[in-house]
PDB file of N, CA and C in Angstrom:
ATOM      1  N   MET A   1       3.584  10.847   9.770  1.00  0.00           N
ATOM      2  CA  MET A   1       3.318  11.631  10.968  1.00  0.00           C
ATOM      3  C   MET A   1       4.658  12.086  11.510  1.00  0.00           C
ATOM      4  N   SER A   2       4.717  13.277  11.990  1.00  0.00           N
ATOM      5  CA  SER A   2       5.972  13.809  12.504  1.00  0.00           C
ATOM      6  C   SER A   2       6.354  13.124  13.810  1.00  0.00           C
ATOM      7  N   ALA A   3       7.617  13.262  14.165  1.00  0.00           N
ATOM      8  CA  ALA A   3       8.137  12.605  15.357  1.00  0.00           C
ATOM      9  C   ALA A   3       7.470  13.121  16.631  1.00  0.00           C
ATOM     10  N   ASN A   4       7.015  14.362  16.630  1.00  0.00           N
ATOM     11  CA  ASN A   4       6.406  14.920  17.849  1.00  0.00           C
ATOM     12  C   ASN A   4       4.926  14.572  17.990  1.00  0.00           C
ATOM     13  N   LYS A   5       4.392  13.797  17.098  1.00  0.00           N
ATOM     14  CA  LYS A   5       3.000  13.324  17.167  1.00  0.00           C
ATOM     15  C   LYS A   5       1.991  14.460  17.280  1.00  0.00           C
ATOM     16  N   LYS A   6       2.194  15.499  16.514  1.00  0.00           N
ATOM     17  CA  LYS A   6       1.292  16.644  16.496  1.00  0.00           C
ATOM     18  C   LYS A   6      -0.055  16.215  15.902  1.00  0.00           C
ATOM     19  N   ALA A   7      -1.140  16.649  16.511  1.00  0.00           N
ATOM     20  CA  ALA A   7      -2.472  16.300  16.032  1.00  0.00           C
ATOM     21  C   ALA A   7      -2.742  16.976  14.696  1.00  0.00           C
ATOM     22  N   THR A   8      -3.449  16.276  13.819  1.00  0.00           N
ATOM     23  CA  THR A   8      -3.819  16.882  12.547  1.00  0.00           C
ATOM     24  C   THR A   8      -4.942  17.875  12.765  1.00  0.00           C
ATOM     25  N   ARG A   9      -5.072  18.810  11.862  1.00  0.00           N
ATOM     26  CA  ARG A   9      -6.038  19.890  12.032  1.00  0.00           C
ATOM     27  C   ARG A   9      -7.481  19.415  12.022  1.00  0.00           C
ATOM     28  N   ILE A  10      -7.823  18.555  11.079  1.00  0.00           N
ATOM     29  CA  ILE A  10      -9.224  18.166  10.933  1.00  0.00           C
ATOM     30  C   ILE A  10      -9.581  16.995  11.846  1.00  0.00           C
ATOM     31  N   SER A  11      -8.848  15.902  11.750  1.00  0.00           N
ATOM     32  CA  SER A  11      -9.218  14.700  12.512  1.00  0.00           C
ATOM     33  C   SER A  11      -8.830  14.781  13.981  1.00  0.00           C
ATOM     34  N   LYS A  12      -7.868  15.624  14.291  1.00  0.00           N
ATOM     35  CA  LYS A  12      -7.305  15.735  15.643  1.00  0.00           C
ATOM     36  C   LYS A  12      -6.587  14.449  16.056  1.00  0.00           C
ATOM     37  N   GLY A  13      -6.334  13.567  15.081  1.00  0.00           N
ATOM     38  CA  GLY A  13      -5.631  12.323  15.367  1.00  0.00           C
ATOM     39  C   GLY A  13      -4.160  12.562  15.616  1.00  0.00           C
ATOM     40  N   ARG A  14      -3.574  11.751  16.487  1.00  0.00           N
ATOM     41  CA  ARG A  14      -2.149  11.857  16.794  1.00  0.00           C
ATOM     42  C   ARG A  14      -1.356  10.684  16.234  1.00  0.00           C
ATOM     43  N   THR A  15      -2.048   9.652  15.765  1.00  0.00           N
ATOM     44  CA  THR A  15      -1.379   8.501  15.155  1.00  0.00           C
ATOM     45  C   THR A  15      -2.046   8.219  13.819  1.00  0.00           C
ATOM     46  N   LEU A  16      -1.362   7.457  12.982  1.00  0.00           N
ATOM     47  CA  LEU A  16      -1.967   7.087  11.698  1.00  0.00           C
ATOM     48  C   LEU A  16      -3.255   6.315  11.911  1.00  0.00           C
ATOM     49  N   LYS A  17      -3.294   5.476  12.941  1.00  0.00           N
ATOM     50  CA  LYS A  17      -4.499   4.698  13.236  1.00  0.00           C
ATOM     51  C   LYS A  17      -5.664   5.619  13.591  1.00  0.00           C
ATOM     52  N   GLU A  18      -5.419   6.607  14.445  1.00  0.00           N
ATOM     53  CA  GLU A  18      -6.475   7.555  14.824  1.00  0.00           C
ATOM     54  C   GLU A  18      -6.979   8.338  13.612  1.00  0.00           C
ATOM     55  N   ILE A  19      -6.047   8.756  12.769  1.00  0.00           N
ATOM     56  CA  ILE A  19      -6.427   9.504  11.561  1.00  0.00           C
ATOM     57  C   ILE A  19      -7.256   8.621  10.637  1.00  0.00           C
ATOM     58  N   ALA A  20      -6.809   7.376  10.440  1.00  0.00           N
ATOM     59  CA  ALA A  20      -7.521   6.443   9.566  1.00  0.00           C
ATOM     60  C   ALA A  20      -8.929   6.165  10.097  1.00  0.00           C
ATOM     61  N   GLU A  21      -9.044   5.953  11.406  1.00  0.00           N
ATOM     62  CA  GLU A  21     -10.353   5.689  12.001  1.00  0.00           C
ATOM     63  C   GLU A  21     -11.296   6.875  11.798  1.00  0.00           C
ATOM     64  N   PHE A  22     -10.771   8.084  11.913  1.00  0.00           N
ATOM     65  CA  PHE A  22     -11.589   9.277  11.693  1.00  0.00           C
ATOM     66  C   PHE A  22     -12.114   9.295  10.259  1.00  0.00           C
ATOM     67  N   TRP A  23     -11.212   9.111   9.288  1.00  0.00           N
ATOM     68  CA  TRP A  23     -11.616   9.213   7.889  1.00  0.00           C
ATOM     69  C   TRP A  23     -12.439   8.016   7.420  1.00  0.00           C
ATOM     70  N   ASP A  24     -12.392   6.910   8.161  1.00  0.00           N
ATOM     71  CA  ASP A  24     -13.266   5.779   7.848  1.00  0.00           C
ATOM     72  C   ASP A  24     -14.723   6.112   8.139  1.00  0.00           C
ATOM     73  N   THR A  25     -14.947   7.083   9.004  1.00  0.00           N
ATOM     74  CA  THR A  25     -16.315   7.417   9.411  1.00  0.00           C
ATOM     75  C   THR A  25     -16.729   8.843   9.047  1.00  0.00           C
ATOM     76  N   HIS A  26     -15.891   9.573   8.344  1.00  0.00           N
ATOM     77  CA  HIS A  26     -16.204  10.950   7.955  1.00  0.00           C
ATOM     78  C   HIS A  26     -15.937  11.147   6.462  1.00  0.00           C
ATOM     79  N   SER A  27     -16.583  12.132   5.887  1.00  0.00           N
ATOM     80  CA  SER A  27     -16.402  12.456   4.474  1.00  0.00           C
ATOM     81  C   SER A  27     -15.600  13.746   4.321  1.00  0.00           C
ATOM     82  N   LEU A  28     -14.636  13.724   3.407  1.00  0.00           N
ATOM     83  CA  LEU A  28     -13.859  14.928   3.128  1.00  0.00           C
ATOM     84  C   LEU A  28     -14.767  16.054   2.637  1.00  0.00           C
ATOM     85  N   ALA A  29     -15.858  15.703   2.001  1.00  0.00           N
ATOM     86  CA  ALA A  29     -16.789  16.717   1.498  1.00  0.00           C
ATOM     87  C   ALA A  29     -17.297  17.625   2.624  1.00  0.00           C
ATOM     88  N   ASP A  30     -17.410  17.072   3.831  1.00  0.00           N
ATOM     89  CA  ASP A  30     -17.879  17.864   4.968  1.00  0.00           C
ATOM     90  C   ASP A  30     -16.823  18.823   5.505  1.00  0.00           C
ATOM     91  N   TYR A  31     -15.576  18.646   5.088  1.00  0.00           N
ATOM     92  CA  TYR A  31     -14.465  19.451   5.607  1.00  0.00           C
ATOM     93  C   TYR A  31     -13.721  20.199   4.493  1.00  0.00           C
ATOM     94  N   TRP A  32     -14.290  20.199   3.301  1.00  0.00           N
ATOM     95  CA  TRP A  32     -13.600  20.757   2.135  1.00  0.00           C
ATOM     96  C   TRP A  32     -13.170  22.199   2.354  1.00  0.00           C
ATOM     97  N   ASP A  33     -13.974  22.984   3.061  1.00  0.00           N
ATOM     98  CA  ASP A  33     -13.643  24.394   3.296  1.00  0.00           C
ATOM     99  C   ASP A  33     -12.444  24.567   4.243  1.00  0.00           C
ATOM    100  N   GLN A  34     -12.033  23.492   4.917  1.00  0.00           N
ATOM    101  CA  GLN A  34     -10.885  23.557   5.827  1.00  0.00           C
ATOM    102  C   GLN A  34      -9.593  23.059   5.169  1.00  0.00           C
ATOM    103  N   THR A  35      -9.688  22.702   3.907  1.00  0.00           N
ATOM    104  CA  THR A  35      -8.505  22.191   3.207  1.00  0.00           C
ATOM    105  C   THR A  35      -7.825  23.303   2.437  1.00  0.00           C
ATOM    106  N   HIS A  36      -6.602  23.028   1.976  1.00  0.00           N
ATOM    107  CA  HIS A  36      -5.889  23.976   1.124  1.00  0.00           C
ATOM    108  C   HIS A  36      -5.075  23.187   0.096  1.00  0.00           C
ATOM    109  N   GLU A  37      -4.794  23.832  -0.997  1.00  0.00           N
ATOM    110  CA  GLU A  37      -4.059  23.187  -2.080  1.00  0.00           C
ATOM    111  C   GLU A  37      -2.589  23.014  -1.695  1.00  0.00           C
ATOM    112  N   VAL A  38      -2.045  21.865  -2.044  1.00  0.00           N
ATOM    113  CA  VAL A  38      -0.627  21.590  -1.802  1.00  0.00           C
ATOM    114  C   VAL A  38      -0.016  20.991  -3.055  1.00  0.00           C
ATOM    115  N   GLU A  39       1.290  21.075  -3.143  1.00  0.00           N
ATOM    116  CA  GLU A  39       2.023  20.430  -4.231  1.00  0.00           C
ATOM    117  C   GLU A  39       3.018  19.467  -3.630  1.00  0.00           C
ATOM    118  N   PHE A  40       3.179  18.319  -4.272  1.00  0.00           N
ATOM    119  CA  PHE A  40       4.171  17.355  -3.832  1.00  0.00           C
ATOM    120  C   PHE A  40       4.611  16.515  -5.022  1.00  0.00           C
ATOM    121  N   GLU A  41       5.760  15.938  -4.896  1.00  0.00           N
ATOM    122  CA  GLU A  41       6.333  15.134  -5.970  1.00  0.00           C
ATOM    123  C   GLU A  41       6.299  13.666  -5.563  1.00  0.00           C
ATOM    124  N   VAL A  42       5.895  12.825  -6.488  1.00  0.00           N
ATOM    125  CA  VAL A  42       5.872  11.389  -6.245  1.00  0.00           C
ATOM    126  C   VAL A  42       6.948  10.755  -7.115  1.00  0.00           C
ATOM    127  N   ARG A  43       7.839  10.021  -6.462  1.00  0.00           N
ATOM    128  CA  ARG A  43       8.891   9.313  -7.192  1.00  0.00           C
ATOM    129  C   ARG A  43       8.673   7.821  -7.043  1.00  0.00           C
ATOM    130  N   ALA A  44       7.956   7.248  -7.971  1.00  0.00           N
ATOM    131  CA  ALA A  44       7.659   5.816  -7.920  1.00  0.00           C
ATOM    132  C   ALA A  44       8.401   5.116  -9.053  1.00  0.00           C
ATOM    133  N   GLN A  45       8.926   3.960  -8.727  1.00  0.00           N
ATOM    134  CA  GLN A  45       9.590   3.183  -9.761  1.00  0.00           C
ATOM    135  C   GLN A  45       8.544   2.586 -10.691  1.00  0.00           C
ATOM    136  N   ARG A  46       8.882   2.542 -11.958  1.00  0.00           N
ATOM    137  CA  ARG A  46       7.974   1.984 -12.944  1.00  0.00           C
ATOM    138  C   ARG A  46       7.889   0.478 -12.751  1.00  0.00           C
ATOM    139  N   ARG A  47       6.689  -0.048 -12.758  1.00  0.00           N
ATOM    140  CA  ARG A  47       6.472  -1.482 -12.624  1.00  0.00           C
ATOM    141  C   ARG A  47       6.395  -2.115 -14.003  1.00  0.00           C
ATOM    142  N   ARG A  48       6.843  -3.335 -14.095  1.00  0.00           N
ATOM    143  CA  ARG A  48       6.770  -4.108 -15.335  1.00  0.00           C
ATOM    144  C   ARG A  48       5.735  -5.209 -15.153  1.00  0.00           C
ATOM    145  N   ARG A  49       5.112  -5.601 -16.210  1.00  0.00           N
ATOM    146  CA  ARG A  49       4.113  -6.667 -16.158  1.00  0.00           C
ATOM    147  C   ARG A  49       4.620  -7.869 -16.952  1.00  0.00           C
ATOM    148  N   VAL A  50       4.354  -9.048 -16.400  1.00  0.00           N
ATOM    149  CA  VAL A  50       4.726 -10.295 -17.049  1.00  0.00           C
ATOM    150  C   VAL A  50       3.480 -11.170 -17.101  1.00  0.00           C
ATOM    151  N   THR A  51       3.199 -11.744 -18.253  1.00  0.00           N
ATOM    152  CA  THR A  51       2.047 -12.618 -18.396  1.00  0.00           C
ATOM    153  C   THR A  51       2.364 -13.987 -17.808  1.00  0.00           C
ATOM    154  N   ILE A  52       1.460 -14.493 -16.980  1.00  0.00           N
ATOM    155  CA  ILE A  52       1.626 -15.797 -16.347  1.00  0.00           C
ATOM    156  C   ILE A  52       0.491 -16.696 -16.793  1.00  0.00           C
ATOM    157  N   ASP A  53       0.822 -17.935 -17.064  1.00  0.00           N
ATOM    158  CA  ASP A  53      -0.180 -18.925 -17.441  1.00  0.00           C
ATOM    159  C   ASP A  53      -1.286 -18.939 -16.381  1.00  0.00           C
ATOM    160  N   PRO A  54      -2.559 -18.935 -16.782  1.00  0.00           N
ATOM    161  CA  PRO A  54      -3.663 -18.879 -15.818  1.00  0.00           C
ATOM    162  C   PRO A  54      -3.636 -20.011 -14.777  1.00  0.00           C
ATOM    163  N   ASP A  55      -3.275 -21.216 -15.186  1.00  0.00           N
ATOM    164  CA  ASP A  55      -3.214 -22.334 -14.235  1.00  0.00           C
ATOM    165  C   ASP A  55      -2.106 -22.119 -13.203  1.00  0.00           C
ATOM    166  N   VAL A  56      -0.971 -21.598 -13.650  1.00  0.00           N
ATOM    167  CA  VAL A  56       0.138 -21.315 -12.741  1.00  0.00           C
ATOM    168  C   VAL A  56      -0.270 -20.205 -11.779  1.00  0.00           C
ATOM    169  N   TYR A  57      -0.923 -19.178 -12.300  1.00  0.00           N
ATOM    170  CA  TYR A  57      -1.344 -18.073 -11.448  1.00  0.00           C
ATOM    171  C   TYR A  57      -2.327 -18.540 -10.381  1.00  0.00           C
ATOM    172  N   THR A  58      -3.230 -19.424 -10.744  1.00  0.00           N
ATOM    173  CA  THR A  58      -4.204 -19.951  -9.778  1.00  0.00           C
ATOM    174  C   THR A  58      -3.495 -20.636  -8.616  1.00  0.00           C
ATOM    175  N   LYS A  59      -2.454 -21.388  -8.915  1.00  0.00           N
ATOM    176  CA  LYS A  59      -1.686 -22.063  -7.867  1.00  0.00           C
ATOM    177  C   LYS A  59      -0.923 -21.053  -7.005  1.00  0.00           C
ATOM    178  N   ILE A  60      -0.346 -20.052  -7.646  1.00  0.00           N
ATOM    179  CA  ILE A  60       0.372 -19.003  -6.909  1.00  0.00           C
ATOM    180  C   ILE A  60      -0.599 -18.257  -6.000  1.00  0.00           C
ATOM    181  N   GLU A  61      -1.755 -17.956  -6.532  1.00  0.00           N
ATOM    182  CA  GLU A  61      -2.771 -17.232  -5.770  1.00  0.00           C
ATOM    183  C   GLU A  61      -3.200 -18.028  -4.527  1.00  0.00           C
ATOM    184  N   ALA A  62      -3.405 -19.319  -4.687  1.00  0.00           N
ATOM    185  CA  ALA A  62      -3.796 -20.173  -3.559  1.00  0.00           C
ATOM    186  C   ALA A  62      -2.675 -20.231  -2.520  1.00  0.00           C
ATOM    187  N   TYR A  63      -1.450 -20.373  -2.987  1.00  0.00           N
ATOM    188  CA  TYR A  63      -0.287 -20.402  -2.089  1.00  0.00           C
ATOM    189  C   TYR A  63      -0.191 -19.095  -1.304  1.00  0.00           C
ATOM    190  N   ALA A  64      -0.342 -17.985  -1.994  1.00  0.00           N
ATOM    191  CA  ALA A  64      -0.252 -16.667  -1.356  1.00  0.00           C
ATOM    192  C   ALA A  64      -1.362 -16.487  -0.326  1.00  0.00           C
ATOM    193  N   ARG A  65      -2.554 -16.914  -0.667  1.00  0.00           N
ATOM    194  CA  ARG A  65      -3.701 -16.758   0.236  1.00  0.00           C
ATOM    195  C   ARG A  65      -3.455 -17.482   1.561  1.00  0.00           C
ATOM    196  N   THR A  66      -2.860 -18.688   1.492  1.00  0.00           N
ATOM    197  CA  THR A  66      -2.604 -19.439   2.728  1.00  0.00           C
ATOM    198  C   THR A  66      -1.571 -18.751   3.605  1.00  0.00           C
ATOM    199  N   ARG A  67      -0.774 -17.880   3.020  1.00  0.00           N
ATOM    200  CA  ARG A  67       0.266 -17.178   3.776  1.00  0.00           C
ATOM    201  C   ARG A  67      -0.100 -15.726   4.076  1.00  0.00           C
ATOM    202  N   GLY A  68      -1.266 -15.301   3.608  1.00  0.00           N
ATOM    203  CA  GLY A  68      -1.730 -13.952   3.901  1.00  0.00           C
ATOM    204  C   GLY A  68      -0.974 -12.857   3.181  1.00  0.00           C
ATOM    205  N   VAL A  69      -0.462 -13.167   1.983  1.00  0.00           N
ATOM    206  CA  VAL A  69       0.248 -12.167   1.185  1.00  0.00           C
ATOM    207  C   VAL A  69      -0.351 -12.107  -0.209  1.00  0.00           C
ATOM    208  N   LEU A  70       0.038 -11.102  -0.959  1.00  0.00           N
ATOM    209  CA  LEU A  70      -0.427 -10.973  -2.342  1.00  0.00           C
ATOM    210  C   LEU A  70       0.340 -11.916  -3.256  1.00  0.00           C
ATOM    211  N   PRO A  71      -0.297 -12.376  -4.314  1.00  0.00           N
ATOM    212  CA  PRO A  71       0.412 -13.221  -5.285  1.00  0.00           C
ATOM    213  C   PRO A  71       1.665 -12.538  -5.837  1.00  0.00           C
ATOM    214  N   GLU A  72       1.614 -11.227  -6.019  1.00  0.00           N
ATOM    215  CA  GLU A  72       2.761 -10.484  -6.524  1.00  0.00           C
ATOM    216  C   GLU A  72       3.957 -10.602  -5.585  1.00  0.00           C
ATOM    217  N   THR A  73       3.673 -10.630  -4.283  1.00  0.00           N
ATOM    218  CA  THR A  73       4.742 -10.778  -3.290  1.00  0.00           C
ATOM    219  C   THR A  73       5.421 -12.130  -3.438  1.00  0.00           C
ATOM    220  N   VAL A  74       4.617 -13.170  -3.583  1.00  0.00           N
ATOM    221  CA  VAL A  74       5.159 -14.524  -3.748  1.00  0.00           C
ATOM    222  C   VAL A  74       6.029 -14.600  -4.997  1.00  0.00           C
ATOM    223  N   VAL A  75       5.517 -14.107  -6.108  1.00  0.00           N
ATOM    224  CA  VAL A  75       6.262 -14.162  -7.364  1.00  0.00           C
ATOM    225  C   VAL A  75       7.576 -13.399  -7.245  1.00  0.00           C
ATOM    226  N   ASN A  76       7.534 -12.206  -6.673  1.00  0.00           N
ATOM    227  CA  ASN A  76       8.757 -11.415  -6.520  1.00  0.00           C
ATOM    228  C   ASN A  76       9.783 -12.110  -5.628  1.00  0.00           C
ATOM    229  N   LEU A  77       9.322 -12.695  -4.523  1.00  0.00           N
ATOM    230  CA  LEU A  77      10.238 -13.407  -3.636  1.00  0.00           C
ATOM    231  C   LEU A  77      10.845 -14.622  -4.327  1.00  0.00           C
ATOM    232  N   TRP A  78      10.010 -15.393  -5.002  1.00  0.00           N
ATOM    233  CA  TRP A  78      10.507 -16.592  -5.694  1.00  0.00           C
ATOM    234  C   TRP A  78      11.495 -16.229  -6.795  1.00  0.00           C
ATOM    235  N   LEU A  79      11.185 -15.216  -7.566  1.00  0.00           N
ATOM    236  CA  LEU A  79      12.092 -14.811  -8.636  1.00  0.00           C
ATOM    237  C   LEU A  79      13.416 -14.292  -8.069  1.00  0.00           C
ATOM    238  N   ALA A  80      13.350 -13.522  -7.005  1.00  0.00           N
ATOM    239  CA  ALA A  80      14.570 -13.005  -6.382  1.00  0.00           C
ATOM    240  C   ALA A  80      15.437 -14.156  -5.863  1.00  0.00           C
ATOM    241  N   GLU A  81      14.796 -15.156  -5.234  1.00  0.00           N
ATOM    242  CA  GLU A  81      15.536 -16.328  -4.743  1.00  0.00           C
ATOM    243  C   GLU A  81      16.196 -17.075  -5.895  1.00  0.00           C
ATOM    244  N   ARG A  82      15.454 -17.265  -6.959  1.00  0.00           N
ATOM    245  CA  ARG A  82      15.988 -18.004  -8.118  1.00  0.00           C
ATOM    246  C   ARG A  82      17.149 -17.252  -8.745  1.00  0.00           C
ATOM    247  N   LEU A  83      17.015 -15.954  -8.892  1.00  0.00           N
ATOM    248  CA  LEU A  83      18.107 -15.158  -9.459  1.00  0.00           C
ATOM    249  C   LEU A  83      19.347 -15.188  -8.586  1.00  0.00           C
ATOM    250  N   LYS A  84      19.143 -15.200  -7.273  1.00  0.00           N
ATOM    251  CA  LYS A  84      20.264 -15.264  -6.346  1.00  0.00           C
ATOM    252  C   LYS A  84      21.003 -16.591  -6.495  1.00  0.00           C
ATOM    253  N   GLN A  85      20.263 -17.670  -6.745  1.00  0.00           N
ATOM    254  CA  GLN A  85      20.864 -18.996  -6.916  1.00  0.00           C
ATOM    255  C   GLN A  85      21.698 -19.080  -8.198  1.00  0.00           C
ATOM    256  N   THR A  86      21.272 -18.352  -9.213  1.00  0.00           N
ATOM    257  CA  THR A  86      21.951 -18.430 -10.507  1.00  0.00           C
ATOM    258  C   THR A  86      23.119 -17.454 -10.629  1.00  0.00           C
ATOM    259  N   ALA A  87      23.240 -16.558  -9.661  1.00  0.00           N
ATOM    260  CA  ALA A  87      24.306 -15.543  -9.722  1.00  0.00           C
ATOM    261  C   ALA A  87      25.653 -16.109  -9.339  1.00  0.00           C
TER     262      ALA A  87
END
């Protein structure tokens, strides 16, 4: 959202929350004639996958759940901490 909090054309929302609430209760199909084609570039870093033992993953998943984060977050934080210790 821009710094001036300009309302969007369709939802008339001024914040991301207002826009999200609108689209949670409306269908884009009902507004398709008000849309226009756009082009944009996405620059995302490539993710790597690592196989984890199922029993280990179950423990990580339980740990993450108690902290309200994704298991991937826990693994990334733990690995970063370990790498920092070995540097």
